[in-house]
Amino acid sequence: MKVVIITQDDPFYLAKNIDYLLDQLPKDIEVPACVLFDVSPFGKKESFFQKLKKTWKIFGIAFVINYGFSFIKNRFSPETKIRKVLNKRNIPIIELEKAINNPESLKIINSFEPDVLVSIAGNQIFKKPLIELAPKGCINLHTALLPKYRGLMPSFWVLKNEEEKTGVSVFFVDEGIDSGPIIVQKEVVIGDMTQKELINYTKRLGMDAIKEALVAIKEDAVKVIPNPQERMTYFSFPTKNDVKEFKKAGKKFY
């Protein structure tokens, strides 16, 4: 079975976890290519200085300094570079000149004959032609227990709302937001984890869930878990006031 991964060039969490996923996949699941977007933590393309200004305004100077140092450090570490991970495994990198839903982009992706598309932190909206491009479907990882906490930054919101547990969900992508049928779901007890620790933990657990989902798809053994609209909650990017409440609840970013 051929799987094309769709992800972004994240400098913090993704490289080591995608490397781990590729190690865990059975030999009969092949990754012939990976679509790699520029990193975009706000869900859309913005300049570096726009991102820096927005981060400073919402999260404060200490947050910017901490992640700024991490960003610089990671840029010089092969373990945090998705390109290095893919190159060492001889997996071609697809860098699309046009939006992913553009017919030319779809043609490029389809040339690798994927049976399944796997979105890991993909930062573009998927439309029907892309969703239906691969015969066995398009799946996505979301680091929350769907149908709760659809949308952006679930690790922030579960901490702010003082949830006792969270988790990961791998689901079939449809034209909604995190609304497709769930294939695999795994729970996590949050305890006293910081947001950084929670992201690290759920990203790794998410790779195990993706592997489990792909094996189930390959073996035609998927047992769908409902993702009901009437039970969903949705969260967007936090505001400065949300960050104040996060800290007031005794939660920590790192």
Protein backbone atom coordinates (compact mmCIF):
# COMPACT_ATOMS: atom_id res chain seq x y z
CA MET A 1 0.00 0.00 0.00
CA LYS A 2 1.34 3.43 -0.98
CA VAL A 3 0.99 6.37 1.41
CA VAL A 4 1.76 10.01 0.59
CA ILE A 5 2.29 12.15 3.70
CA ILE A 6 1.19 15.80 3.73
CA THR A 7 2.84 17.93 6.41
CA GLN A 8 4.62 21.23 7.14
CA ASP A 9 8.27 22.06 7.80
CA ASP A 10 7.76 22.40 11.56
CA PRO A 11 11.05 23.04 13.45
CA PHE A 12 9.88 21.77 16.84
CA TYR A 13 7.95 18.52 17.01
CA LEU A 14 7.37 16.82 13.67
CA ALA A 15 10.74 15.63 12.31
CA LYS A 16 11.58 13.18 15.08
CA ASN A 17 8.01 11.90 15.17
CA ILE A 18 7.72 11.38 11.42
CA ASP A 19 11.08 9.60 11.59
CA TYR A 20 9.60 7.39 14.33
CA LEU A 21 6.47 6.73 12.26
CA LEU A 22 8.51 5.70 9.22
CA ASP A 23 10.46 3.26 11.42
CA GLN A 24 7.23 1.72 12.73
CA LEU A 25 5.42 1.21 9.43
CA PRO A 26 5.28 -2.38 8.16
CA LYS A 27 7.38 -3.16 5.10
CA ASP A 28 4.29 -3.51 2.92
CA ILE A 29 3.31 0.14 3.59
CA GLU A 30 5.44 2.33 1.32
CA VAL A 31 5.87 6.11 1.44
CA PRO A 32 6.74 7.15 -2.15
CA ALA A 33 6.64 10.92 -1.44
CA CYS A 34 5.88 13.64 1.08
CA VAL A 35 4.17 16.98 0.41
CA LEU A 36 5.99 19.60 2.49
CA PHE A 37 4.46 23.02 3.17
CA ASP A 38 6.24 26.00 4.69
CA VAL A 39 5.63 26.18 8.43
CA SER A 40 2.60 28.24 9.42
CA PRO A 41 1.60 28.08 13.12
CA PHE A 42 -1.36 30.39 12.65
CA GLY A 43 -3.05 28.24 10.05
CA LYS A 44 -2.29 30.58 7.14
CA LYS A 45 0.71 32.07 5.42
CA GLU A 46 2.20 35.06 7.19
CA SER A 47 5.65 36.64 7.12
CA PHE A 48 8.15 35.80 9.86
CA PHE A 49 7.73 39.24 11.41
CA GLN A 50 3.93 38.98 11.32
CA LYS A 51 4.16 35.67 13.17
CA LEU A 52 6.64 37.10 15.67
CA LYS A 53 4.48 40.17 16.35
CA LYS A 54 1.33 38.07 16.83
CA THR A 55 3.12 35.59 19.11
CA TRP A 56 4.57 38.42 21.23
CA LYS A 57 1.19 40.16 21.51
CA ILE A 58 -0.71 37.04 22.59
CA PHE A 59 1.81 34.96 24.55
CA GLY A 60 4.29 37.54 25.88
CA ILE A 61 8.03 38.14 25.73
CA ALA A 62 9.09 35.11 27.84
CA PHE A 63 7.27 32.76 25.47
CA VAL A 64 8.88 34.40 22.42
CA ILE A 65 12.38 34.17 23.92
CA ASN A 66 11.96 30.51 24.93
CA TYR A 67 10.65 29.36 21.58
CA GLY A 68 13.01 31.70 19.74
CA PHE A 69 16.02 29.96 21.27
CA SER A 70 14.44 26.57 20.54
CA PHE A 71 13.80 27.61 16.95
CA ILE A 72 17.41 28.67 16.40
CA LYS A 73 18.77 25.53 18.09
CA ASN A 74 16.51 23.23 16.10
CA ARG A 75 17.41 24.85 12.81
CA PHE A 76 20.96 23.55 13.29
CA SER A 77 19.97 20.08 14.49
CA PRO A 78 19.47 17.34 11.85
CA GLU A 79 17.05 15.54 14.18
CA THR A 80 14.54 18.38 13.91
CA LYS A 81 14.64 18.84 10.15
CA ILE A 82 11.96 17.02 8.21
CA ARG A 83 13.98 17.43 5.02
CA LYS A 84 16.91 15.57 6.60
CA VAL A 85 14.59 12.77 7.73
CA LEU A 86 13.10 12.37 4.26
CA ASN A 87 16.40 12.69 2.42
CA LYS A 88 18.12 10.00 4.50
CA ARG A 89 15.27 7.65 3.59
CA ASN A 90 15.30 8.68 -0.10
CA ILE A 91 11.70 9.85 0.08
CA PRO A 92 11.01 12.51 -2.58
CA ILE A 93 9.81 15.89 -1.26
CA ILE A 94 6.90 17.49 -3.11
CA GLU A 95 7.05 21.29 -2.86
CA LEU A 96 3.96 22.58 -4.64
CA GLU A 97 4.10 25.91 -6.46
CA LYS A 98 0.32 26.29 -6.25
CA ALA A 99 -2.29 25.58 -3.56
CA ILE A 100 -2.75 21.92 -2.79
CA ASN A 101 -6.29 21.87 -4.23
CA ASN A 102 -5.16 23.30 -7.57
CA PRO A 103 -5.58 20.76 -10.43
CA GLU A 104 -1.85 20.95 -11.21
CA SER A 105 -1.00 20.11 -7.59
CA LEU A 106 -3.47 17.22 -7.58
CA LYS A 107 -1.89 15.87 -10.76
CA ILE A 108 1.57 15.93 -9.16
CA ILE A 109 0.38 14.12 -6.03
CA ASN A 110 -1.58 11.59 -8.08
CA SER A 111 1.54 10.76 -10.12
CA PHE A 112 2.88 8.92 -7.05
CA GLU A 113 -0.23 6.67 -7.13
CA PRO A 114 -1.12 6.91 -3.40
CA ASP A 115 -3.61 4.47 -1.93
CA VAL A 116 -3.92 6.70 1.14
CA LEU A 117 -3.10 10.32 1.95
CA VAL A 118 -1.93 11.05 5.51
CA SER A 119 -2.15 14.62 6.80
CA ILE A 120 0.07 15.44 9.80
CA ALA A 121 -0.28 19.12 10.73
CA GLY A 122 -1.26 19.96 7.17
CA ASN A 123 -2.00 23.70 7.11
CA GLN A 124 -4.22 24.03 4.03
CA ILE A 125 -7.94 23.26 3.75
CA PHE A 126 -8.59 20.06 1.82
CA LYS A 127 -11.35 20.11 -0.80
CA LYS A 128 -13.29 17.19 -2.23
CA PRO A 129 -11.04 16.37 -5.24
CA LEU A 130 -8.03 16.04 -2.92
CA ILE A 131 -9.96 14.13 -0.25
CA GLU A 132 -11.11 11.64 -2.88
CA LEU A 133 -7.80 11.44 -4.77
CA ALA A 134 -6.52 8.30 -3.04
CA PRO A 135 -8.79 5.24 -3.40
CA LYS A 136 -8.53 4.20 0.27
CA GLY A 137 -9.08 7.71 1.60
CA CYS A 138 -7.37 10.65 3.25
CA ILE A 139 -6.68 10.50 6.99
CA ASN A 140 -5.61 13.12 9.51
CA LEU A 141 -4.15 13.22 13.02
CA HIS A 142 -5.81 15.50 15.59
CA THR A 143 -4.36 15.68 19.09
CA ALA A 144 -7.64 15.66 21.02
CA LEU A 145 -10.50 13.30 21.74
CA LEU A 146 -12.91 14.15 18.95
CA PRO A 147 -15.65 15.29 18.66
CA LYS A 148 -14.46 17.58 21.49
CA TYR A 149 -11.80 20.21 20.85
CA ARG A 150 -12.01 20.43 17.09
CA GLY A 151 -9.98 23.28 15.60
CA LEU A 152 -6.65 24.84 16.58
CA MET A 153 -4.21 24.21 19.45
CA PRO A 154 -6.15 21.54 21.38
CA SER A 155 -3.24 21.09 23.82
CA PHE A 156 -3.64 24.70 24.93
CA TRP A 157 -7.41 24.49 25.33
CA VAL A 158 -7.56 21.22 27.28
CA LEU A 159 -5.06 22.67 29.77
CA LYS A 160 -6.81 26.02 30.02
CA ASN A 161 -10.15 24.25 30.59
CA GLU A 162 -8.54 22.01 33.23
CA GLU A 163 -9.47 18.73 31.58
CA GLU A 164 -8.31 15.56 33.33
CA LYS A 165 -7.64 13.73 30.10
CA THR A 166 -7.16 14.29 26.40
CA GLY A 167 -5.89 12.09 23.60
CA VAL A 168 -5.38 11.64 19.89
CA SER A 169 -7.77 10.84 17.06
CA VAL A 170 -7.00 9.60 13.56
CA PHE A 171 -9.96 10.09 11.25
CA PHE A 172 -11.03 10.07 7.63
CA VAL A 173 -10.98 13.64 6.30
CA ASP A 174 -14.23 15.06 4.96
CA GLU A 175 -15.11 18.60 3.92
CA GLY A 176 -15.80 19.70 7.50
CA ILE A 177 -13.34 20.66 10.23
CA ASP A 178 -12.12 17.57 12.15
CA SER A 179 -15.56 16.07 11.49
CA GLY A 180 -14.88 12.81 9.63
CA PRO A 181 -15.36 9.23 10.92
CA ILE A 182 -12.73 8.24 13.50
CA ILE A 183 -10.52 5.21 12.85
CA VAL A 184 -8.31 5.15 15.97
CA GLN A 185 -8.55 7.02 19.27
CA LYS A 186 -6.18 6.87 22.27
CA GLU A 187 -6.60 8.56 25.66
CA VAL A 188 -3.99 10.43 27.74
CA VAL A 189 -4.21 11.40 31.42
CA ILE A 190 -2.89 14.98 31.54
CA GLY A 191 -1.73 15.13 35.16
CA ASP A 192 0.72 17.99 35.69
CA MET A 193 2.14 18.07 32.15
CA THR A 194 3.10 21.41 30.63
CA GLN A 195 1.82 22.25 27.18
CA LYS A 196 5.22 21.39 25.67
CA GLU A 197 5.26 18.03 27.41
CA LEU A 198 1.68 17.33 26.34
CA ILE A 199 2.44 18.19 22.71
CA ASN A 200 5.49 15.92 22.73
CA TYR A 201 3.55 13.08 24.30
CA THR A 202 0.52 13.30 22.04
CA LYS A 203 2.57 13.72 18.86
CA ARG A 204 4.40 10.44 19.59
CA LEU A 205 1.17 8.69 20.58
CA GLY A 206 -0.35 10.07 17.39
CA MET A 207 2.29 8.34 15.28
CA ASP A 208 1.32 5.02 16.86
CA ALA A 209 -2.32 5.81 16.11
CA ILE A 210 -1.52 6.61 12.46
CA LYS A 211 0.34 3.33 12.08
CA GLU A 212 -2.59 1.46 13.63
CA ALA A 213 -5.03 3.23 11.31
CA LEU A 214 -2.96 2.47 8.20
CA VAL A 215 -2.69 -1.21 9.10
CA ALA A 216 -6.46 -1.36 9.63
CA ILE A 217 -7.05 0.32 6.24
CA LYS A 218 -4.61 -2.01 4.49
CA GLU A 219 -6.30 -5.06 5.99
CA ASP A 220 -9.84 -3.71 5.37
CA ALA A 221 -10.39 -3.97 9.13
CA VAL A 222 -11.47 -0.41 9.99
CA LYS A 223 -14.12 -0.20 12.73
CA VAL A 224 -15.37 3.36 12.55
CA ILE A 225 -15.87 5.35 15.78
CA PRO A 226 -18.64 7.99 15.57
CA ASN A 227 -17.69 11.68 15.52
CA PRO A 228 -21.13 13.21 16.15
CA GLN A 229 -21.73 16.85 15.27
CA GLU A 230 -24.11 17.37 18.19
CA ARG A 231 -21.36 16.59 20.72
CA MET A 232 -18.61 18.66 19.12
CA THR A 233 -16.81 21.67 20.55
CA TYR A 234 -14.63 23.95 18.45
CA PHE A 235 -11.77 26.28 19.42
CA SER A 236 -9.78 28.75 17.32
CA PHE A 237 -6.50 30.53 18.06
CA PRO A 238 -6.32 31.84 21.66
CA THR A 239 -6.49 35.50 22.60
CA LYS A 240 -4.33 37.39 25.08
CA ASN A 241 -7.13 37.03 27.62
CA ASP A 242 -7.23 33.25 27.06
CA VAL A 243 -3.51 33.12 27.85
CA LYS A 244 -4.13 35.05 31.08
CA GLU A 245 -6.78 32.53 32.10
CA PHE A 246 -4.45 29.66 31.15
CA LYS A 247 -1.81 31.00 33.55
CA LYS A 248 -4.41 31.82 36.22
CA ALA A 249 -5.40 28.13 36.18
CA GLY A 250 -1.82 27.30 37.09
CA LYS A 251 -0.92 25.86 33.69
CA LYS A 252 2.52 26.20 32.11
CA PHE A 253 3.70 26.38 28.51
CA TYR A 254 7.09 24.70 29.22
